[in-house]
Amino acid sequence: MKLSTRIALLAAALALAGAVSFAASPGDAVVAVVEGEVITVHDVHEYTAQEELRLKSLLPTGDQRQQIAELRRMAVRRLIDRELVYA
């Protein structure tokens, strides 16, 4: 897949991540749809859970929020890439 297409997909995913979702529960909120496969907030949290716990135990509270947000952004990119590879 072309780099420009991947960038467009990533931009769409990030836009969706910031959008208000009308899902039944917060974990059901859609972060991205790649080749027909849905990636939810739950998928992202599941992907980052262990690392989030590690960060919470190591970092002061103020730094945790920023680091976890960056971790989740990276997770969205990785989950999108994984779907593109398997598509």
PDB file of N, CA and C in Angstrom:
ATOM      1  N   MET A   1       0.840  -1.168   0.000  1.00  0.00           N
ATOM      2  CA  MET A   1       0.000   0.000   0.000  1.00  0.00           C
ATOM      3  C   MET A   1       0.888   1.235   0.000  1.00  0.00           C
ATOM      4  N   LYS A   2       0.505   2.237  -0.761  1.00  0.00           N
ATOM      5  CA  LYS A   2       1.292   3.456  -0.876  1.00  0.00           C
ATOM      6  C   LYS A   2       1.366   4.184   0.454  1.00  0.00           C
ATOM      7  N   LEU A   3       2.478   4.895   0.634  1.00  0.00           N
ATOM      8  CA  LEU A   3       2.666   5.659   1.858  1.00  0.00           C
ATOM      9  C   LEU A   3       1.574   6.709   2.007  1.00  0.00           C
ATOM     10  N   SER A   4       1.185   7.361   0.919  1.00  0.00           N
ATOM     11  CA  SER A   4       0.146   8.394   1.002  1.00  0.00           C
ATOM     12  C   SER A   4      -1.187   7.805   1.462  1.00  0.00           C
ATOM     13  N   THR A   5      -1.483   6.590   1.050  1.00  0.00           N
ATOM     14  CA  THR A   5      -2.711   5.932   1.483  1.00  0.00           C
ATOM     15  C   THR A   5      -2.635   5.602   2.964  1.00  0.00           C
ATOM     16  N   ARG A   6      -1.487   5.131   3.397  1.00  0.00           N
ATOM     17  CA  ARG A   6      -1.311   4.810   4.821  1.00  0.00           C
ATOM     18  C   ARG A   6      -1.430   6.063   5.673  1.00  0.00           C
ATOM     19  N   ILE A   7      -0.862   7.167   5.197  1.00  0.00           N
ATOM     20  CA  ILE A   7      -0.947   8.422   5.941  1.00  0.00           C
ATOM     21  C   ILE A   7      -2.395   8.883   6.023  1.00  0.00           C
ATOM     22  N   ALA A   8      -3.124   8.746   4.923  1.00  0.00           N
ATOM     23  CA  ALA A   8      -4.537   9.128   4.920  1.00  0.00           C
ATOM     24  C   ALA A   8      -5.331   8.279   5.907  1.00  0.00           C
ATOM     25  N   LEU A   9      -5.045   6.983   5.939  1.00  0.00           N
ATOM     26  CA  LEU A   9      -5.732   6.101   6.887  1.00  0.00           C
ATOM     27  C   LEU A   9      -5.406   6.478   8.325  1.00  0.00           C
ATOM     28  N   LEU A  10      -4.150   6.795   8.578  1.00  0.00           N
ATOM     29  CA  LEU A  10      -3.742   7.185   9.920  1.00  0.00           C
ATOM     30  C   LEU A  10      -4.426   8.482  10.325  1.00  0.00           C
ATOM     31  N   ALA A  11      -4.474   9.442   9.416  1.00  0.00           N
ATOM     32  CA  ALA A  11      -5.141  10.707   9.715  1.00  0.00           C
ATOM     33  C   ALA A  11      -6.614  10.477  10.031  1.00  0.00           C
ATOM     34  N   ALA A  12      -7.247   9.614   9.260  1.00  0.00           N
ATOM     35  CA  ALA A  12      -8.657   9.300   9.509  1.00  0.00           C
ATOM     36  C   ALA A  12      -8.826   8.631  10.868  1.00  0.00           C
ATOM     37  N   ALA A  13      -7.915   7.736  11.193  1.00  0.00           N
ATOM     38  CA  ALA A  13      -7.992   7.040  12.481  1.00  0.00           C
ATOM     39  C   ALA A  13      -7.845   8.011  13.639  1.00  0.00           C
ATOM     40  N   LEU A  14      -6.903   8.927  13.519  1.00  0.00           N
ATOM     41  CA  LEU A  14      -6.705   9.899  14.588  1.00  0.00           C
ATOM     42  C   LEU A  14      -7.903  10.833  14.704  1.00  0.00           C
ATOM     43  N   ALA A  15      -8.493  11.184  13.586  1.00  0.00           N
ATOM     44  CA  ALA A  15      -9.693  12.021  13.620  1.00  0.00           C
ATOM     45  C   ALA A  15     -10.832  11.283  14.310  1.00  0.00           C
ATOM     46  N   LEU A  16     -10.971  10.006  13.997  1.00  0.00           N
ATOM     47  CA  LEU A  16     -12.012   9.205  14.637  1.00  0.00           C
ATOM     48  C   LEU A  16     -11.752   9.050  16.127  1.00  0.00           C
ATOM     49  N   ALA A  17     -10.487   8.954  16.497  1.00  0.00           N
ATOM     50  CA  ALA A  17     -10.136   8.779  17.906  1.00  0.00           C
ATOM     51  C   ALA A  17     -10.579   9.981  18.723  1.00  0.00           C
ATOM     52  N   GLY A  18     -10.553  11.148  18.114  1.00  0.00           N
ATOM     53  CA  GLY A  18     -10.958  12.353  18.817  1.00  0.00           C
ATOM     54  C   GLY A  18     -12.438  12.661  18.704  1.00  0.00           C
ATOM     55  N   ALA A  19     -13.134  11.962  17.860  1.00  0.00           N
ATOM     56  CA  ALA A  19     -14.555  12.237  17.633  1.00  0.00           C
ATOM     57  C   ALA A  19     -15.405  11.672  18.761  1.00  0.00           C
ATOM     58  N   VAL A  20     -16.548  12.267  18.946  1.00  0.00           N
ATOM     59  CA  VAL A  20     -17.493  11.765  19.935  1.00  0.00           C
ATOM     60  C   VAL A  20     -18.145  10.512  19.371  1.00  0.00           C
ATOM     61  N   SER A  21     -18.192   9.483  20.186  1.00  0.00           N
ATOM     62  CA  SER A  21     -18.766   8.222  19.734  1.00  0.00           C
ATOM     63  C   SER A  21     -20.109   7.995  20.412  1.00  0.00           C
ATOM     64  N   PHE A  22     -21.003   7.358  19.697  1.00  0.00           N
ATOM     65  CA  PHE A  22     -22.300   7.025  20.246  1.00  0.00           C
ATOM     66  C   PHE A  22     -22.385   5.530  20.528  1.00  0.00           C
ATOM     67  N   ALA A  23     -21.291   4.930  20.910  1.00  0.00           N
ATOM     68  CA  ALA A  23     -21.233   3.500  21.175  1.00  0.00           C
ATOM     69  C   ALA A  23     -21.994   3.177  22.455  1.00  0.00           C
ATOM     70  N   ALA A  24     -22.353   1.909  22.604  1.00  0.00           N
ATOM     71  CA  ALA A  24     -23.081   1.458  23.782  1.00  0.00           C
ATOM     72  C   ALA A  24     -22.260   1.661  25.049  1.00  0.00           C
ATOM     73  N   SER A  25     -20.974   1.442  24.970  1.00  0.00           N
ATOM     74  CA  SER A  25     -20.081   1.692  26.095  1.00  0.00           C
ATOM     75  C   SER A  25     -18.810   2.322  25.547  1.00  0.00           C
ATOM     76  N   PRO A  26     -18.048   3.014  26.396  1.00  0.00           N
ATOM     77  CA  PRO A  26     -16.837   3.673  25.901  1.00  0.00           C
ATOM     78  C   PRO A  26     -15.859   2.717  25.212  1.00  0.00           C
ATOM     79  N   GLY A  27     -15.789   1.487  25.657  1.00  0.00           N
ATOM     80  CA  GLY A  27     -14.884   0.514  25.049  1.00  0.00           C
ATOM     81  C   GLY A  27     -15.288   0.113  23.645  1.00  0.00           C
ATOM     82  N   ASP A  28     -16.572   0.329  23.317  1.00  0.00           N
ATOM     83  CA  ASP A  28     -17.075  -0.013  21.989  1.00  0.00           C
ATOM     84  C   ASP A  28     -16.820   1.085  20.963  1.00  0.00           C
ATOM     85  N   ALA A  29     -16.341   2.232  21.403  1.00  0.00           N
ATOM     86  CA  ALA A  29     -16.119   3.356  20.490  1.00  0.00           C
ATOM     87  C   ALA A  29     -15.136   2.948  19.397  1.00  0.00           C
ATOM     88  N   VAL A  30     -15.458   3.296  18.169  1.00  0.00           N
ATOM     89  CA  VAL A  30     -14.626   2.940  17.019  1.00  0.00           C
ATOM     90  C   VAL A  30     -13.495   3.949  16.882  1.00  0.00           C
ATOM     91  N   VAL A  31     -12.277   3.440  16.825  1.00  0.00           N
ATOM     92  CA  VAL A  31     -11.095   4.273  16.634  1.00  0.00           C
ATOM     93  C   VAL A  31     -10.727   4.321  15.163  1.00  0.00           C
ATOM     94  N   ALA A  32     -10.860   3.181  14.475  1.00  0.00           N
ATOM     95  CA  ALA A  32     -10.512   3.106  13.055  1.00  0.00           C
ATOM     96  C   ALA A  32     -11.216   1.919  12.419  1.00  0.00           C
ATOM     97  N   VAL A  33     -11.375   2.025  11.113  1.00  0.00           N
ATOM     98  CA  VAL A  33     -11.857   0.904  10.311  1.00  0.00           C
ATOM     99  C   VAL A  33     -10.848   0.731   9.191  1.00  0.00           C
ATOM    100  N   VAL A  34     -10.229  -0.446   9.147  1.00  0.00           N
ATOM    101  CA  VAL A  34      -9.176  -0.715   8.167  1.00  0.00           C
ATOM    102  C   VAL A  34      -9.573  -1.946   7.365  1.00  0.00           C
ATOM    103  N   GLU A  35      -9.738  -1.757   6.075  1.00  0.00           N
ATOM    104  CA  GLU A  35     -10.112  -2.870   5.196  1.00  0.00           C
ATOM    105  C   GLU A  35     -11.319  -3.632   5.748  1.00  0.00           C
ATOM    106  N   GLY A  36     -12.276  -2.889   6.313  1.00  0.00           N
ATOM    107  CA  GLY A  36     -13.485  -3.500   6.845  1.00  0.00           C
ATOM    108  C   GLY A  36     -13.371  -4.018   8.267  1.00  0.00           C
ATOM    109  N   GLU A  37     -12.188  -4.004   8.844  1.00  0.00           N
ATOM    110  CA  GLU A  37     -11.983  -4.465  10.219  1.00  0.00           C
ATOM    111  C   GLU A  37     -12.044  -3.273  11.170  1.00  0.00           C
ATOM    112  N   VAL A  38     -12.840  -3.404  12.225  1.00  0.00           N
ATOM    113  CA  VAL A  38     -13.032  -2.325  13.186  1.00  0.00           C
ATOM    114  C   VAL A  38     -11.998  -2.442  14.303  1.00  0.00           C
ATOM    115  N   ILE A  39     -11.400  -1.317  14.651  1.00  0.00           N
ATOM    116  CA  ILE A  39     -10.501  -1.231  15.802  1.00  0.00           C
ATOM    117  C   ILE A  39     -11.203  -0.337  16.813  1.00  0.00           C
ATOM    118  N   THR A  40     -11.432  -0.861  18.019  1.00  0.00           N
ATOM    119  CA  THR A  40     -12.165  -0.125  19.050  1.00  0.00           C
ATOM    120  C   THR A  40     -11.222   0.396  20.131  1.00  0.00           C
ATOM    121  N   VAL A  41     -11.772   1.266  20.973  1.00  0.00           N
ATOM    122  CA  VAL A  41     -11.023   1.755  22.131  1.00  0.00           C
ATOM    123  C   VAL A  41     -10.605   0.569  22.995  1.00  0.00           C
ATOM    124  N   HIS A  42     -11.483  -0.406  23.129  1.00  0.00           N
ATOM    125  CA  HIS A  42     -11.158  -1.605  23.909  1.00  0.00           C
ATOM    126  C   HIS A  42      -9.926  -2.313  23.332  1.00  0.00           C
ATOM    127  N   ASP A  43      -9.855  -2.427  22.015  1.00  0.00           N
ATOM    128  CA  ASP A  43      -8.697  -3.061  21.375  1.00  0.00           C
ATOM    129  C   ASP A  43      -7.411  -2.321  21.728  1.00  0.00           C
ATOM    130  N   VAL A  44      -7.478  -0.990  21.691  1.00  0.00           N
ATOM    131  CA  VAL A  44      -6.297  -0.174  22.000  1.00  0.00           C
ATOM    132  C   VAL A  44      -5.898  -0.372  23.455  1.00  0.00           C
ATOM    133  N   HIS A  45      -6.863  -0.323  24.362  1.00  0.00           N
ATOM    134  CA  HIS A  45      -6.559  -0.498  25.788  1.00  0.00           C
ATOM    135  C   HIS A  45      -6.019  -1.896  26.078  1.00  0.00           C
ATOM    136  N   GLU A  46      -6.572  -2.887  25.409  1.00  0.00           N
ATOM    137  CA  GLU A  46      -6.082  -4.256  25.575  1.00  0.00           C
ATOM    138  C   GLU A  46      -4.627  -4.362  25.102  1.00  0.00           C
ATOM    139  N   TYR A  47      -4.322  -3.696  24.005  1.00  0.00           N
ATOM    140  CA  TYR A  47      -2.979  -3.720  23.427  1.00  0.00           C
ATOM    141  C   TYR A  47      -1.967  -3.024  24.344  1.00  0.00           C
ATOM    142  N   THR A  48      -2.412  -1.993  25.081  1.00  0.00           N
ATOM    143  CA  THR A  48      -1.488  -1.186  25.883  1.00  0.00           C
ATOM    144  C   THR A  48      -1.538  -1.474  27.383  1.00  0.00           C
ATOM    145  N   ALA A  49      -2.402  -2.351  27.829  1.00  0.00           N
ATOM    146  CA  ALA A  49      -2.668  -2.532  29.264  1.00  0.00           C
ATOM    147  C   ALA A  49      -1.418  -2.770  30.103  1.00  0.00           C
ATOM    148  N   GLN A  50      -0.586  -3.698  29.716  1.00  0.00           N
ATOM    149  CA  GLN A  50       0.597  -4.011  30.526  1.00  0.00           C
ATOM    150  C   GLN A  50       1.564  -2.836  30.589  1.00  0.00           C
ATOM    151  N   GLU A  51       1.777  -2.187  29.463  1.00  0.00           N
ATOM    152  CA  GLU A  51       2.698  -1.049  29.440  1.00  0.00           C
ATOM    153  C   GLU A  51       2.127   0.124  30.240  1.00  0.00           C
ATOM    154  N   GLU A  52       0.822   0.310  30.200  1.00  0.00           N
ATOM    155  CA  GLU A  52       0.204   1.374  30.995  1.00  0.00           C
ATOM    156  C   GLU A  52       0.435   1.135  32.485  1.00  0.00           C
ATOM    157  N   LEU A  53       0.280  -0.101  32.927  1.00  0.00           N
ATOM    158  CA  LEU A  53       0.535  -0.421  34.337  1.00  0.00           C
ATOM    159  C   LEU A  53       1.981  -0.129  34.711  1.00  0.00           C
ATOM    160  N   ARG A  54       2.894  -0.483  33.817  1.00  0.00           N
ATOM    161  CA  ARG A  54       4.311  -0.230  34.075  1.00  0.00           C
ATOM    162  C   ARG A  54       4.579   1.269  34.182  1.00  0.00           C
ATOM    163  N   LEU A  55       4.028   2.050  33.257  1.00  0.00           N
ATOM    164  CA  LEU A  55       4.222   3.499  33.284  1.00  0.00           C
ATOM    165  C   LEU A  55       3.643   4.112  34.554  1.00  0.00           C
ATOM    166  N   LYS A  56       2.482   3.629  34.974  1.00  0.00           N
ATOM    167  CA  LYS A  56       1.849   4.162  36.181  1.00  0.00           C
ATOM    168  C   LYS A  56       2.685   3.886  37.422  1.00  0.00           C
ATOM    169  N   SER A  57       3.402   2.775  37.420  1.00  0.00           N
ATOM    170  CA  SER A  57       4.225   2.446  38.586  1.00  0.00           C
ATOM    171  C   SER A  57       5.554   3.197  38.589  1.00  0.00           C
ATOM    172  N   LEU A  58       6.000   3.656  37.427  1.00  0.00           N
ATOM    173  CA  LEU A  58       7.308   4.298  37.325  1.00  0.00           C
ATOM    174  C   LEU A  58       7.276   5.821  37.289  1.00  0.00           C
ATOM    175  N   LEU A  59       6.230   6.396  36.732  1.00  0.00           N
ATOM    176  CA  LEU A  59       6.208   7.833  36.471  1.00  0.00           C
ATOM    177  C   LEU A  59       5.372   8.591  37.489  1.00  0.00           C
ATOM    178  N   PRO A  60       5.754   9.852  37.744  1.00  0.00           N
ATOM    179  CA  PRO A  60       4.893  10.699  38.572  1.00  0.00           C
ATOM    180  C   PRO A  60       3.562  10.941  37.856  1.00  0.00           C
ATOM    181  N   THR A  61       2.535  11.232  38.610  1.00  0.00           N
ATOM    182  CA  THR A  61       1.183  11.357  38.071  1.00  0.00           C
ATOM    183  C   THR A  61       1.100  12.313  36.883  1.00  0.00           C
ATOM    184  N   GLY A  62       1.737  13.451  36.948  1.00  0.00           N
ATOM    185  CA  GLY A  62       1.674  14.424  35.860  1.00  0.00           C
ATOM    186  C   GLY A  62       2.220  13.899  34.550  1.00  0.00           C
ATOM    187  N   ASP A  63       3.264  13.097  34.607  1.00  0.00           N
ATOM    188  CA  ASP A  63       3.875  12.554  33.394  1.00  0.00           C
ATOM    189  C   ASP A  63       3.107  11.356  32.837  1.00  0.00           C
ATOM    190  N   GLN A  64       2.367  10.677  33.690  1.00  0.00           N
ATOM    191  CA  GLN A  64       1.642   9.472  33.266  1.00  0.00           C
ATOM    192  C   GLN A  64       0.660   9.762  32.141  1.00  0.00           C
ATOM    193  N   ARG A  65      -0.118  10.804  32.299  1.00  0.00           N
ATOM    194  CA  ARG A  65      -1.170  11.115  31.326  1.00  0.00           C
ATOM    195  C   ARG A  65      -0.590  11.329  29.929  1.00  0.00           C
ATOM    196  N   GLN A  66       0.474  12.108  29.848  1.00  0.00           N
ATOM    197  CA  GLN A  66       1.100  12.396  28.553  1.00  0.00           C
ATOM    198  C   GLN A  66       1.708  11.134  27.945  1.00  0.00           C
ATOM    199  N   GLN A  67       2.400  10.354  28.729  1.00  0.00           N
ATOM    200  CA  GLN A  67       3.043   9.140  28.226  1.00  0.00           C
ATOM    201  C   GLN A  67       2.015   8.094  27.795  1.00  0.00           C
ATOM    202  N   ILE A  68       0.946   7.964  28.551  1.00  0.00           N
ATOM    203  CA  ILE A  68      -0.091   6.992  28.199  1.00  0.00           C
ATOM    204  C   ILE A  68      -0.819   7.427  26.933  1.00  0.00           C
ATOM    205  N   ALA A  69      -1.058   8.720  26.780  1.00  0.00           N
ATOM    206  CA  ALA A  69      -1.690   9.214  25.547  1.00  0.00           C
ATOM    207  C   ALA A  69      -0.812   8.902  24.342  1.00  0.00           C
ATOM    208  N   GLU A  70       0.484   9.120  24.464  1.00  0.00           N
ATOM    209  CA  GLU A  70       1.410   8.815  23.363  1.00  0.00           C
ATOM    210  C   GLU A  70       1.449   7.308  23.103  1.00  0.00           C
ATOM    211  N   LEU A  71       1.460   6.514  24.159  1.00  0.00           N
ATOM    212  CA  LEU A  71       1.443   5.057  24.017  1.00  0.00           C
ATOM    213  C   LEU A  71       0.205   4.604  23.244  1.00  0.00           C
ATOM    214  N   ARG A  72      -0.936   5.182  23.563  1.00  0.00           N
ATOM    215  CA  ARG A  72      -2.175   4.807  22.874  1.00  0.00           C
ATOM    216  C   ARG A  72      -2.163   5.243  21.412  1.00  0.00           C
ATOM    217  N   ARG A  73      -1.605   6.428  21.129  1.00  0.00           N
ATOM    218  CA  ARG A  73      -1.487   6.865  19.724  1.00  0.00           C
ATOM    219  C   ARG A  73      -0.624   5.888  18.937  1.00  0.00           C
ATOM    220  N   MET A  74       0.481   5.474  19.529  1.00  0.00           N
ATOM    221  CA  MET A  74       1.363   4.506  18.868  1.00  0.00           C
ATOM    222  C   MET A  74       0.640   3.172  18.679  1.00  0.00           C
ATOM    223  N   ALA A  75      -0.158   2.778  19.659  1.00  0.00           N
ATOM    224  CA  ALA A  75      -0.897   1.518  19.559  1.00  0.00           C
ATOM    225  C   ALA A  75      -1.891   1.561  18.404  1.00  0.00           C
ATOM    226  N   VAL A  76      -2.569   2.688  18.229  1.00  0.00           N
ATOM    227  CA  VAL A  76      -3.506   2.818  17.106  1.00  0.00           C
ATOM    228  C   VAL A  76      -2.762   2.632  15.796  1.00  0.00           C
ATOM    229  N   ARG A  77      -1.619   3.279  15.665  1.00  0.00           N
ATOM    230  CA  ARG A  77      -0.822   3.137  14.433  1.00  0.00           C
ATOM    231  C   ARG A  77      -0.413   1.684  14.213  1.00  0.00           C
ATOM    232  N   ARG A  78       0.022   1.022  15.265  1.00  0.00           N
ATOM    233  CA  ARG A  78       0.453  -0.378  15.132  1.00  0.00           C
ATOM    234  C   ARG A  78      -0.714  -1.305  14.787  1.00  0.00           C
ATOM    235  N   LEU A  79      -1.855  -1.070  15.407  1.00  0.00           N
ATOM    236  CA  LEU A  79      -3.023  -1.895  15.101  1.00  0.00           C
ATOM    237  C   LEU A  79      -3.481  -1.674  13.659  1.00  0.00           C
ATOM    238  N   ILE A  80      -3.422  -0.447  13.183  1.00  0.00           N
ATOM    239  CA  ILE A  80      -3.757  -0.162  11.780  1.00  0.00           C
ATOM    240  C   ILE A  80      -2.763  -0.859  10.863  1.00  0.00           C
ATOM    241  N   ASP A  81      -1.481  -0.713  11.166  1.00  0.00           N
ATOM    242  CA  ASP A  81      -0.457  -1.373  10.344  1.00  0.00           C
ATOM    243  C   ASP A  81      -0.664  -2.880  10.308  1.00  0.00           C
ATOM    244  N   ARG A  82      -0.993  -3.460  11.459  1.00  0.00           N
ATOM    245  CA  ARG A  82      -1.207  -4.906  11.528  1.00  0.00           C
ATOM    246  C   ARG A  82      -2.375  -5.319  10.631  1.00  0.00           C
ATOM    247  N   GLU A  83      -3.448  -4.551  10.657  1.00  0.00           N
ATOM    248  CA  GLU A  83      -4.593  -4.861   9.795  1.00  0.00           C
ATOM    249  C   GLU A  83      -4.224  -4.715   8.324  1.00  0.00           C
ATOM    250  N   LEU A  84      -3.411  -3.714   7.995  1.00  0.00           N
ATOM    251  CA  LEU A  84      -3.004  -3.526   6.601  1.00  0.00           C
ATOM    252  C   LEU A  84      -2.140  -4.683   6.114  1.00  0.00           C
ATOM    253  N   VAL A  85      -1.297  -5.203   6.992  1.00  0.00           N
ATOM    254  CA  VAL A  85      -0.431  -6.328   6.622  1.00  0.00           C
ATOM    255  C   VAL A  85      -1.264  -7.582   6.393  1.00  0.00           C
ATOM    256  N   TYR A  86      -2.257  -7.816   7.261  1.00  0.00           N
ATOM    257  CA  TYR A  86      -3.069  -9.028   7.158  1.00  0.00           C
ATOM    258  C   TYR A  86      -4.182  -8.923   6.126  1.00  0.00           C
ATOM    259  N   ALA A  87      -4.436  -7.720   5.638  1.00  0.00           N
ATOM    260  CA  ALA A  87      -5.539  -7.529   4.664  1.00  0.00           C
ATOM    261  C   ALA A  87      -5.214  -8.148   3.325  1.00  0.00           C
TER     262      ALA A  87
END
